[in-house]
Amino acid sequence: MFCNSSDDCPHLVAVIDRTFAECNGGELYKAIATIRGLLSDTLLGMIEKAEDPDGDRVNYELAAIFREAIENYDPAHPDDIYIDEGMFLEWLV
């Protein structure tokens, strides 16, 4: 921590553990579930409409997350969208 705090520092954007692909603190920690939920809903809508992410409209990180979601999509569980946590955190920060 830059401020030598032993606790979570509110001035940090995100405390990312890349080894385990986890966000353990910072301002994004409070909103990460909401952001993941919005992304899941968006990906599900794109999958249902058979949309393909356009490289001009979607950055390459989101396109990669979308491809992973499609590869792991199971029509037997249509509301369960896989989001690779490492890719998600890389895109987020």
PDB file of N, CA and C in Angstrom:
ATOM      1  N   MET A   1       0.848  -1.174   0.000  1.00  0.00           N
ATOM      2  CA  MET A   1       0.000   0.000   0.000  1.00  0.00           C
ATOM      3  C   MET A   1       0.894   1.239   0.000  1.00  0.00           C
ATOM      4  N   PHE A   2       0.489   2.206  -0.740  1.00  0.00           N
ATOM      5  CA  PHE A   2       1.285   3.416  -0.856  1.00  0.00           C
ATOM      6  C   PHE A   2       1.293   4.233   0.426  1.00  0.00           C
ATOM      7  N   CYS A   3       0.216   4.138   1.197  1.00  0.00           N
ATOM      8  CA  CYS A   3       0.126   4.951   2.409  1.00  0.00           C
ATOM      9  C   CYS A   3       0.546   4.174   3.655  1.00  0.00           C
ATOM     10  N   ASN A   4       1.046   2.959   3.473  1.00  0.00           N
ATOM     11  CA  ASN A   4       1.463   2.087   4.574  1.00  0.00           C
ATOM     12  C   ASN A   4       0.310   1.666   5.479  1.00  0.00           C
ATOM     13  N   SER A   5      -0.896   1.715   4.971  1.00  0.00           N
ATOM     14  CA  SER A   5      -2.055   1.289   5.738  1.00  0.00           C
ATOM     15  C   SER A   5      -2.116  -0.235   5.768  1.00  0.00           C
ATOM     16  N   SER A   6      -2.476  -0.789   6.910  1.00  0.00           N
ATOM     17  CA  SER A   6      -2.638  -2.240   6.998  1.00  0.00           C
ATOM     18  C   SER A   6      -4.052  -2.654   6.592  1.00  0.00           C
ATOM     19  N   ASP A   7      -4.936  -1.678   6.442  1.00  0.00           N
ATOM     20  CA  ASP A   7      -6.314  -1.931   6.024  1.00  0.00           C
ATOM     21  C   ASP A   7      -6.492  -1.556   4.558  1.00  0.00           C
ATOM     22  N   ASP A   8      -7.685  -1.820   4.039  1.00  0.00           N
ATOM     23  CA  ASP A   8      -8.028  -1.434   2.677  1.00  0.00           C
ATOM     24  C   ASP A   8      -7.935   0.084   2.549  1.00  0.00           C
ATOM     25  N   CYS A   9      -7.296   0.543   1.502  1.00  0.00           N
ATOM     26  CA  CYS A   9      -7.130   1.981   1.285  1.00  0.00           C
ATOM     27  C   CYS A   9      -8.226   2.491   0.361  1.00  0.00           C
ATOM     28  N   PRO A  10      -9.072   3.400   0.826  1.00  0.00           N
ATOM     29  CA  PRO A  10     -10.169   3.879  -0.007  1.00  0.00           C
ATOM     30  C   PRO A  10      -9.706   4.696  -1.211  1.00  0.00           C
ATOM     31  N   HIS A  11      -8.461   5.157  -1.203  1.00  0.00           N
ATOM     32  CA  HIS A  11      -7.992   5.954  -2.338  1.00  0.00           C
ATOM     33  C   HIS A  11      -7.510   5.093  -3.503  1.00  0.00           C
ATOM     34  N   LEU A  12      -7.447   3.778  -3.328  1.00  0.00           N
ATOM     35  CA  LEU A  12      -7.034   2.890  -4.411  1.00  0.00           C
ATOM     36  C   LEU A  12      -8.230   2.533  -5.289  1.00  0.00           C
ATOM     37  N   VAL A  13      -7.987   2.403  -6.579  1.00  0.00           N
ATOM     38  CA  VAL A  13      -9.046   2.013  -7.505  1.00  0.00           C
ATOM     39  C   VAL A  13      -9.400   0.544  -7.306  1.00  0.00           C
ATOM     40  N   ALA A  14      -8.378  -0.314  -7.292  1.00  0.00           N
ATOM     41  CA  ALA A  14      -8.619  -1.747  -7.113  1.00  0.00           C
ATOM     42  C   ALA A  14      -7.362  -2.408  -6.575  1.00  0.00           C
ATOM     43  N   VAL A  15      -7.548  -3.360  -5.686  1.00  0.00           N
ATOM     44  CA  VAL A  15      -6.452  -4.183  -5.191  1.00  0.00           C
ATOM     45  C   VAL A  15      -6.637  -5.546  -5.849  1.00  0.00           C
ATOM     46  N   ILE A  16      -5.811  -5.823  -6.864  1.00  0.00           N
ATOM     47  CA  ILE A  16      -5.967  -7.030  -7.671  1.00  0.00           C
ATOM     48  C   ILE A  16      -4.884  -8.040  -7.315  1.00  0.00           C
ATOM     49  N   ASP A  17      -5.314  -9.261  -7.029  1.00  0.00           N
ATOM     50  CA  ASP A  17      -4.399 -10.380  -6.842  1.00  0.00           C
ATOM     51  C   ASP A  17      -4.418 -11.158  -8.151  1.00  0.00           C
ATOM     52  N   ARG A  18      -3.405 -10.964  -8.978  1.00  0.00           N
ATOM     53  CA  ARG A  18      -3.372 -11.601 -10.301  1.00  0.00           C
ATOM     54  C   ARG A  18      -3.147 -13.104 -10.214  1.00  0.00           C
ATOM     55  N   THR A  19      -2.527 -13.576  -9.150  1.00  0.00           N
ATOM     56  CA  THR A  19      -2.300 -15.008  -8.998  1.00  0.00           C
ATOM     57  C   THR A  19      -3.621 -15.764  -8.927  1.00  0.00           C
ATOM     58  N   PHE A  20      -4.564 -15.243  -8.157  1.00  0.00           N
ATOM     59  CA  PHE A  20      -5.845 -15.915  -7.960  1.00  0.00           C
ATOM     60  C   PHE A  20      -6.999 -15.210  -8.675  1.00  0.00           C
ATOM     61  N   ALA A  21      -6.695 -14.182  -9.478  1.00  0.00           N
ATOM     62  CA  ALA A  21      -7.712 -13.422 -10.220  1.00  0.00           C
ATOM     63  C   ALA A  21      -8.826 -12.960  -9.288  1.00  0.00           C
ATOM     64  N   GLU A  22      -8.434 -12.172  -8.284  1.00  0.00           N
ATOM     65  CA  GLU A  22      -9.391 -11.659  -7.307  1.00  0.00           C
ATOM     66  C   GLU A  22      -9.184 -10.168  -7.104  1.00  0.00           C
ATOM     67  N   CYS A  23     -10.277  -9.475  -6.880  1.00  0.00           N
ATOM     68  CA  CYS A  23     -10.219  -8.086  -6.452  1.00  0.00           C
ATOM     69  C   CYS A  23     -10.500  -8.101  -4.958  1.00  0.00           C
ATOM     70  N   ASN A  24      -9.521  -7.644  -4.163  1.00  0.00           N
ATOM     71  CA  ASN A  24      -9.623  -7.745  -2.708  1.00  0.00           C
ATOM     72  C   ASN A  24      -9.820  -6.411  -2.005  1.00  0.00           C
ATOM     73  N   GLY A  25      -9.971  -5.337  -2.747  1.00  0.00           N
ATOM     74  CA  GLY A  25     -10.155  -4.050  -2.101  1.00  0.00           C
ATOM     75  C   GLY A  25     -10.179  -2.928  -3.110  1.00  0.00           C
ATOM     76  N   GLY A  26     -10.256  -1.703  -2.596  1.00  0.00           N
ATOM     77  CA  GLY A  26     -10.328  -0.528  -3.452  1.00  0.00           C
ATOM     78  C   GLY A  26     -11.772  -0.183  -3.782  1.00  0.00           C
ATOM     79  N   GLU A  27     -11.948   0.929  -4.471  1.00  0.00           N
ATOM     80  CA  GLU A  27     -13.293   1.396  -4.793  1.00  0.00           C
ATOM     81  C   GLU A  27     -14.049   0.442  -5.716  1.00  0.00           C
ATOM     82  N   LEU A  28     -13.368  -0.203  -6.650  1.00  0.00           N
ATOM     83  CA  LEU A  28     -14.055  -1.140  -7.542  1.00  0.00           C
ATOM     84  C   LEU A  28     -14.580  -2.360  -6.800  1.00  0.00           C
ATOM     85  N   TYR A  29     -13.944  -2.715  -5.692  1.00  0.00           N
ATOM     86  CA  TYR A  29     -14.371  -3.886  -4.923  1.00  0.00           C
ATOM     87  C   TYR A  29     -15.843  -3.775  -4.527  1.00  0.00           C
ATOM     88  N   LYS A  30     -16.258  -2.565  -4.192  1.00  0.00           N
ATOM     89  CA  LYS A  30     -17.637  -2.343  -3.758  1.00  0.00           C
ATOM     90  C   LYS A  30     -18.636  -2.524  -4.901  1.00  0.00           C
ATOM     91  N   ALA A  31     -18.192  -2.292  -6.137  1.00  0.00           N
ATOM     92  CA  ALA A  31     -19.103  -2.310  -7.279  1.00  0.00           C
ATOM     93  C   ALA A  31     -18.891  -3.490  -8.218  1.00  0.00           C
ATOM     94  N   ILE A  32     -17.926  -4.347  -7.925  1.00  0.00           N
ATOM     95  CA  ILE A  32     -17.542  -5.384  -8.887  1.00  0.00           C
ATOM     96  C   ILE A  32     -18.676  -6.361  -9.193  1.00  0.00           C
ATOM     97  N   ALA A  33     -19.475  -6.727  -8.213  1.00  0.00           N
ATOM     98  CA  ALA A  33     -20.587  -7.652  -8.462  1.00  0.00           C
ATOM     99  C   ALA A  33     -21.627  -7.010  -9.378  1.00  0.00           C
ATOM    100  N   THR A  34     -21.880  -5.734  -9.191  1.00  0.00           N
ATOM    101  CA  THR A  34     -22.829  -5.019 -10.044  1.00  0.00           C
ATOM    102  C   THR A  34     -22.316  -4.939 -11.473  1.00  0.00           C
ATOM    103  N   ILE A  35     -21.035  -4.627 -11.633  1.00  0.00           N
ATOM    104  CA  ILE A  35     -20.437  -4.535 -12.968  1.00  0.00           C
ATOM    105  C   ILE A  35     -20.459  -5.897 -13.652  1.00  0.00           C
ATOM    106  N   ARG A  36     -20.111  -6.953 -12.918  1.00  0.00           N
ATOM    107  CA  ARG A  36     -20.135  -8.307 -13.480  1.00  0.00           C
ATOM    108  C   ARG A  36     -21.557  -8.681 -13.897  1.00  0.00           C
ATOM    109  N   GLY A  37     -22.543  -8.305 -13.091  1.00  0.00           N
ATOM    110  CA  GLY A  37     -23.941  -8.585 -13.425  1.00  0.00           C
ATOM    111  C   GLY A  37     -24.381  -7.878 -14.695  1.00  0.00           C
ATOM    112  N   LEU A  38     -23.990  -6.622 -14.847  1.00  0.00           N
ATOM    113  CA  LEU A  38     -24.318  -5.878 -16.067  1.00  0.00           C
ATOM    114  C   LEU A  38     -23.662  -6.506 -17.288  1.00  0.00           C
ATOM    115  N   LEU A  39     -22.411  -6.913 -17.141  1.00  0.00           N
ATOM    116  CA  LEU A  39     -21.705  -7.557 -18.244  1.00  0.00           C
ATOM    117  C   LEU A  39     -22.362  -8.892 -18.585  1.00  0.00           C
ATOM    118  N   SER A  40     -22.742  -9.667 -17.578  1.00  0.00           N
ATOM    119  CA  SER A  40     -23.424 -10.951 -17.811  1.00  0.00           C
ATOM    120  C   SER A  40     -24.727 -10.748 -18.572  1.00  0.00           C
ATOM    121  N   ASP A  41     -25.508  -9.755 -18.156  1.00  0.00           N
ATOM    122  CA  ASP A  41     -26.775  -9.470 -18.834  1.00  0.00           C
ATOM    123  C   ASP A  41     -26.545  -9.066 -20.285  1.00  0.00           C
ATOM    124  N   THR A  42     -25.524  -8.251 -20.515  1.00  0.00           N
ATOM    125  CA  THR A  42     -25.197  -7.813 -21.876  1.00  0.00           C
ATOM    126  C   THR A  42     -24.761  -8.989 -22.735  1.00  0.00           C
ATOM    127  N   LEU A  43     -23.878  -9.833 -22.192  1.00  0.00           N
ATOM    128  CA  LEU A  43     -23.410 -11.001 -22.942  1.00  0.00           C
ATOM    129  C   LEU A  43     -24.560 -11.952 -23.243  1.00  0.00           C
ATOM    130  N   LEU A  44     -25.434 -12.172 -22.280  1.00  0.00           N
ATOM    131  CA  LEU A  44     -26.576 -13.056 -22.494  1.00  0.00           C
ATOM    132  C   LEU A  44     -27.456 -12.520 -23.620  1.00  0.00           C
ATOM    133  N   GLY A  45     -27.708 -11.224 -23.616  1.00  0.00           N
ATOM    134  CA  GLY A  45     -28.502 -10.614 -24.685  1.00  0.00           C
ATOM    135  C   GLY A  45     -27.853 -10.787 -26.043  1.00  0.00           C
ATOM    136  N   MET A  46     -26.529 -10.631 -26.098  1.00  0.00           N
ATOM    137  CA  MET A  46     -25.810 -10.803 -27.365  1.00  0.00           C
ATOM    138  C   MET A  46     -25.863 -12.252 -27.831  1.00  0.00           C
ATOM    139  N   ILE A  47     -25.736 -13.192 -26.901  1.00  0.00           N
ATOM    140  CA  ILE A  47     -25.788 -14.613 -27.261  1.00  0.00           C
ATOM    141  C   ILE A  47     -27.184 -14.974 -27.766  1.00  0.00           C
ATOM    142  N   GLU A  48     -28.218 -14.491 -27.081  1.00  0.00           N
ATOM    143  CA  GLU A  48     -29.593 -14.790 -27.491  1.00  0.00           C
ATOM    144  C   GLU A  48     -29.907 -14.232 -28.872  1.00  0.00           C
ATOM    145  N   LYS A  49     -29.320 -13.087 -29.213  1.00  0.00           N
ATOM    146  CA  LYS A  49     -29.547 -12.463 -30.524  1.00  0.00           C
ATOM    147  C   LYS A  49     -28.548 -12.948 -31.566  1.00  0.00           C
ATOM    148  N   ALA A  50     -27.659 -13.855 -31.162  1.00  0.00           N
ATOM    149  CA  ALA A  50     -26.605 -14.377 -32.046  1.00  0.00           C
ATOM    150  C   ALA A  50     -25.762 -13.244 -32.620  1.00  0.00           C
ATOM    151  N   GLU A  51     -25.504 -12.233 -31.803  1.00  0.00           N
ATOM    152  CA  GLU A  51     -24.669 -11.112 -32.227  1.00  0.00           C
ATOM    153  C   GLU A  51     -23.203 -11.495 -32.142  1.00  0.00           C
ATOM    154  N   ASP A  52     -22.438 -10.885 -32.998  1.00  0.00           N
ATOM    155  CA  ASP A  52     -20.993 -11.066 -32.989  1.00  0.00           C
ATOM    156  C   ASP A  52     -20.390  -9.713 -32.637  1.00  0.00           C
ATOM    157  N   PRO A  53     -19.501  -9.662 -31.663  1.00  0.00           N
ATOM    158  CA  PRO A  53     -18.931  -8.360 -31.311  1.00  0.00           C
ATOM    159  C   PRO A  53     -18.131  -7.796 -32.476  1.00  0.00           C
ATOM    160  N   ASP A  54     -18.458  -6.595 -32.857  1.00  0.00           N
ATOM    161  CA  ASP A  54     -17.782  -5.909 -33.958  1.00  0.00           C
ATOM    162  C   ASP A  54     -16.530  -5.245 -33.411  1.00  0.00           C
ATOM    163  N   GLY A  55     -15.397  -5.503 -34.024  1.00  0.00           N
ATOM    164  CA  GLY A  55     -14.132  -4.942 -33.570  1.00  0.00           C
ATOM    165  C   GLY A  55     -14.105  -3.428 -33.535  1.00  0.00           C
ATOM    166  N   ASP A  56     -14.953  -2.786 -34.335  1.00  0.00           N
ATOM    167  CA  ASP A  56     -14.997  -1.324 -34.334  1.00  0.00           C
ATOM    168  C   ASP A  56     -15.825  -0.786 -33.175  1.00  0.00           C
ATOM    169  N   ARG A  57     -16.735  -1.620 -32.660  1.00  0.00           N
ATOM    170  CA  ARG A  57     -17.608  -1.162 -31.581  1.00  0.00           C
ATOM    171  C   ARG A  57     -17.189  -1.671 -30.213  1.00  0.00           C
ATOM    172  N   VAL A  58     -16.503  -2.797 -30.165  1.00  0.00           N
ATOM    173  CA  VAL A  58     -16.153  -3.444 -28.901  1.00  0.00           C
ATOM    174  C   VAL A  58     -14.643  -3.629 -28.839  1.00  0.00           C
ATOM    175  N   ASN A  59     -14.046  -3.273 -27.716  1.00  0.00           N
ATOM    176  CA  ASN A  59     -12.589  -3.445 -27.630  1.00  0.00           C
ATOM    177  C   ASN A  59     -12.226  -4.925 -27.574  1.00  0.00           C
ATOM    178  N   TYR A  60     -10.987  -5.214 -27.856  1.00  0.00           N
ATOM    179  CA  TYR A  60     -10.546  -6.610 -27.984  1.00  0.00           C
ATOM    180  C   TYR A  60     -10.705  -7.398 -26.689  1.00  0.00           C
ATOM    181  N   GLU A  61     -10.590  -6.742 -25.526  1.00  0.00           N
ATOM    182  CA  GLU A  61     -10.745  -7.462 -24.259  1.00  0.00           C
ATOM    183  C   GLU A  61     -12.185  -7.935 -24.069  1.00  0.00           C
ATOM    184  N   LEU A  62     -13.144  -7.068 -24.391  1.00  0.00           N
ATOM    185  CA  LEU A  62     -14.547  -7.475 -24.289  1.00  0.00           C
ATOM    186  C   LEU A  62     -14.883  -8.547 -25.314  1.00  0.00           C
ATOM    187  N   ALA A  63     -14.315  -8.436 -26.506  1.00  0.00           N
ATOM    188  CA  ALA A  63     -14.549  -9.455 -27.531  1.00  0.00           C
ATOM    189  C   ALA A  63     -14.015 -10.810 -27.061  1.00  0.00           C
ATOM    190  N   ALA A  64     -12.863 -10.820 -26.392  1.00  0.00           N
ATOM    191  CA  ALA A  64     -12.289 -12.072 -25.876  1.00  0.00           C
ATOM    192  C   ALA A  64     -13.169 -12.654 -24.771  1.00  0.00           C
ATOM    193  N   ILE A  65     -13.682 -11.810 -23.897  1.00  0.00           N
ATOM    194  CA  ILE A  65     -14.591 -12.265 -22.838  1.00  0.00           C
ATOM    195  C   ILE A  65     -15.852 -12.862 -23.472  1.00  0.00           C
ATOM    196  N   PHE A  66     -16.353 -12.211 -24.522  1.00  0.00           N
ATOM    197  CA  PHE A  66     -17.540 -12.694 -25.222  1.00  0.00           C
ATOM    198  C   PHE A  66     -17.289 -14.066 -25.849  1.00  0.00           C
ATOM    199  N   ARG A  67     -16.142 -14.228 -26.506  1.00  0.00           N
ATOM    200  CA  ARG A  67     -15.813 -15.521 -27.123  1.00  0.00           C
ATOM    201  C   ARG A  67     -15.736 -16.635 -26.068  1.00  0.00           C
ATOM    202  N   GLU A  68     -15.132 -16.332 -24.918  1.00  0.00           N
ATOM    203  CA  GLU A  68     -15.068 -17.317 -23.827  1.00  0.00           C
ATOM    204  C   GLU A  68     -16.469 -17.669 -23.335  1.00  0.00           C
ATOM    205  N   ALA A  69     -17.328 -16.656 -23.232  1.00  0.00           N
ATOM    206  CA  ALA A  69     -18.699 -16.897 -22.773  1.00  0.00           C
ATOM    207  C   ALA A  69     -19.440 -17.802 -23.753  1.00  0.00           C
ATOM    208  N   ILE A  70     -19.239 -17.578 -25.057  1.00  0.00           N
ATOM    209  CA  ILE A  70     -19.894 -18.417 -26.066  1.00  0.00           C
ATOM    210  C   ILE A  70     -19.370 -19.848 -25.995  1.00  0.00           C
ATOM    211  N   GLU A  71     -18.066 -20.003 -25.880  1.00  0.00           N
ATOM    212  CA  GLU A  71     -17.467 -21.341 -25.822  1.00  0.00           C
ATOM    213  C   GLU A  71     -17.969 -22.144 -24.625  1.00  0.00           C
ATOM    214  N   ASN A  72     -18.278 -21.459 -23.542  1.00  0.00           N
ATOM    215  CA  ASN A  72     -18.704 -22.135 -22.318  1.00  0.00           C
ATOM    216  C   ASN A  72     -20.213 -22.074 -22.093  1.00  0.00           C
ATOM    217  N   TYR A  73     -20.949 -21.521 -23.056  1.00  0.00           N
ATOM    218  CA  TYR A  73     -22.401 -21.380 -22.912  1.00  0.00           C
ATOM    219  C   TYR A  73     -23.082 -22.737 -23.022  1.00  0.00           C
ATOM    220  N   ASP A  74     -23.994 -23.005 -22.103  1.00  0.00           N
ATOM    221  CA  ASP A  74     -24.748 -24.255 -22.107  1.00  0.00           C
ATOM    222  C   ASP A  74     -26.235 -23.912 -22.217  1.00  0.00           C
ATOM    223  N   PRO A  75     -26.864 -24.210 -23.361  1.00  0.00           N
ATOM    224  CA  PRO A  75     -28.288 -23.895 -23.531  1.00  0.00           C
ATOM    225  C   PRO A  75     -29.184 -24.542 -22.465  1.00  0.00           C
ATOM    226  N   ALA A  76     -28.704 -25.597 -21.827  1.00  0.00           N
ATOM    227  CA  ALA A  76     -29.474 -26.223 -20.751  1.00  0.00           C
ATOM    228  C   ALA A  76     -29.562 -25.314 -19.525  1.00  0.00           C
ATOM    229  N   HIS A  77     -28.628 -24.362 -19.426  1.00  0.00           N
ATOM    230  CA  HIS A  77     -28.606 -23.385 -18.322  1.00  0.00           C
ATOM    231  C   HIS A  77     -28.489 -21.988 -18.930  1.00  0.00           C
ATOM    232  N   PRO A  78     -29.566 -21.502 -19.566  1.00  0.00           N
ATOM    233  CA  PRO A  78     -29.476 -20.271 -20.355  1.00  0.00           C
ATOM    234  C   PRO A  78     -29.170 -19.001 -19.558  1.00  0.00           C
ATOM    235  N   ASP A  79     -29.412 -19.004 -18.271  1.00  0.00           N
ATOM    236  CA  ASP A  79     -29.142 -17.799 -17.481  1.00  0.00           C
ATOM    237  C   ASP A  79     -27.764 -17.805 -16.839  1.00  0.00           C
ATOM    238  N   ASP A  80     -27.001 -18.858 -17.058  1.00  0.00           N
ATOM    239  CA  ASP A  80     -25.675 -18.990 -16.455  1.00  0.00           C
ATOM    240  C   ASP A  80     -24.612 -18.637 -17.493  1.00  0.00           C
ATOM    241  N   ILE A  81     -24.051 -17.454 -17.374  1.00  0.00           N
ATOM    242  CA  ILE A  81     -23.034 -16.976 -18.311  1.00  0.00           C
ATOM    243  C   ILE A  81     -21.674 -17.053 -17.638  1.00  0.00           C
ATOM    244  N   TYR A  82     -20.737 -17.713 -18.308  1.00  0.00           N
ATOM    245  CA  TYR A  82     -19.373 -17.823 -17.785  1.00  0.00           C
ATOM    246  C   TYR A  82     -18.599 -16.562 -18.140  1.00  0.00           C
ATOM    247  N   ILE A  83     -18.000 -15.956 -17.139  1.00  0.00           N
ATOM    248  CA  ILE A  83     -17.095 -14.825 -17.360  1.00  0.00           C
ATOM    249  C   ILE A  83     -15.764 -15.197 -16.726  1.00  0.00           C
ATOM    250  N   ASP A  84     -14.733 -15.283 -17.549  1.00  0.00           N
ATOM    251  CA  ASP A  84     -13.393 -15.583 -17.053  1.00  0.00           C
ATOM    252  C   ASP A  84     -12.954 -14.442 -16.136  1.00  0.00           C
ATOM    253  N   GLU A  85     -12.708 -14.761 -14.881  1.00  0.00           N
ATOM    254  CA  GLU A  85     -12.416 -13.732 -13.873  1.00  0.00           C
ATOM    255  C   GLU A  85     -11.135 -12.966 -14.183  1.00  0.00           C
ATOM    256  N   GLY A  86     -10.100 -13.660 -14.630  1.00  0.00           N
ATOM    257  CA  GLY A  86      -8.853 -12.979 -14.969  1.00  0.00           C
ATOM    258  C   GLY A  86      -9.035 -11.992 -16.103  1.00  0.00           C
ATOM    259  N   MET A  87      -9.736 -12.417 -17.145  1.00  0.00           N
ATOM    260  CA  MET A  87      -9.998 -11.537 -18.288  1.00  0.00           C
ATOM    261  C   MET A  87     -10.881 -10.363 -17.868  1.00  0.00           C
ATOM    262  N   PHE A  88     -11.862 -10.638 -17.018  1.00  0.00           N
ATOM    263  CA  PHE A  88     -12.766  -9.598 -16.531  1.00  0.00           C
ATOM    264  C   PHE A  88     -12.001  -8.520 -15.767  1.00  0.00           C
ATOM    265  N   LEU A  89     -11.114  -8.943 -14.863  1.00  0.00           N
ATOM    266  CA  LEU A  89     -10.349  -7.977 -14.075  1.00  0.00           C
ATOM    267  C   LEU A  89      -9.374  -7.191 -14.940  1.00  0.00           C
ATOM    268  N   GLU A  90      -8.757  -7.845 -15.921  1.00  0.00           N
ATOM    269  CA  GLU A  90      -7.856  -7.133 -16.840  1.00  0.00           C
ATOM    270  C   GLU A  90      -8.614  -6.054 -17.594  1.00  0.00           C
ATOM    271  N   TRP A  91      -9.813  -6.391 -18.065  1.00  0.00           N
ATOM    272  CA  TRP A  91     -10.630  -5.416 -18.783  1.00  0.00           C
ATOM    273  C   TRP A  91     -11.051  -4.282 -17.853  1.00  0.00           C
ATOM    274  N   LEU A  92     -11.399  -4.636 -16.634  1.00  0.00           N
ATOM    275  CA  LEU A  92     -11.917  -3.659 -15.686  1.00  0.00           C
ATOM    276  C   LEU A  92     -10.894  -2.591 -15.329  1.00  0.00           C
ATOM    277  N   VAL A  93      -9.657  -3.007 -15.167  1.00  0.00           N
ATOM    278  CA  VAL A  93      -8.631  -2.038 -14.785  1.00  0.00           C
ATOM    279  C   VAL A  93      -7.760  -1.715 -15.970  1.00  0.00           C
TER     280      VAL A  93
END
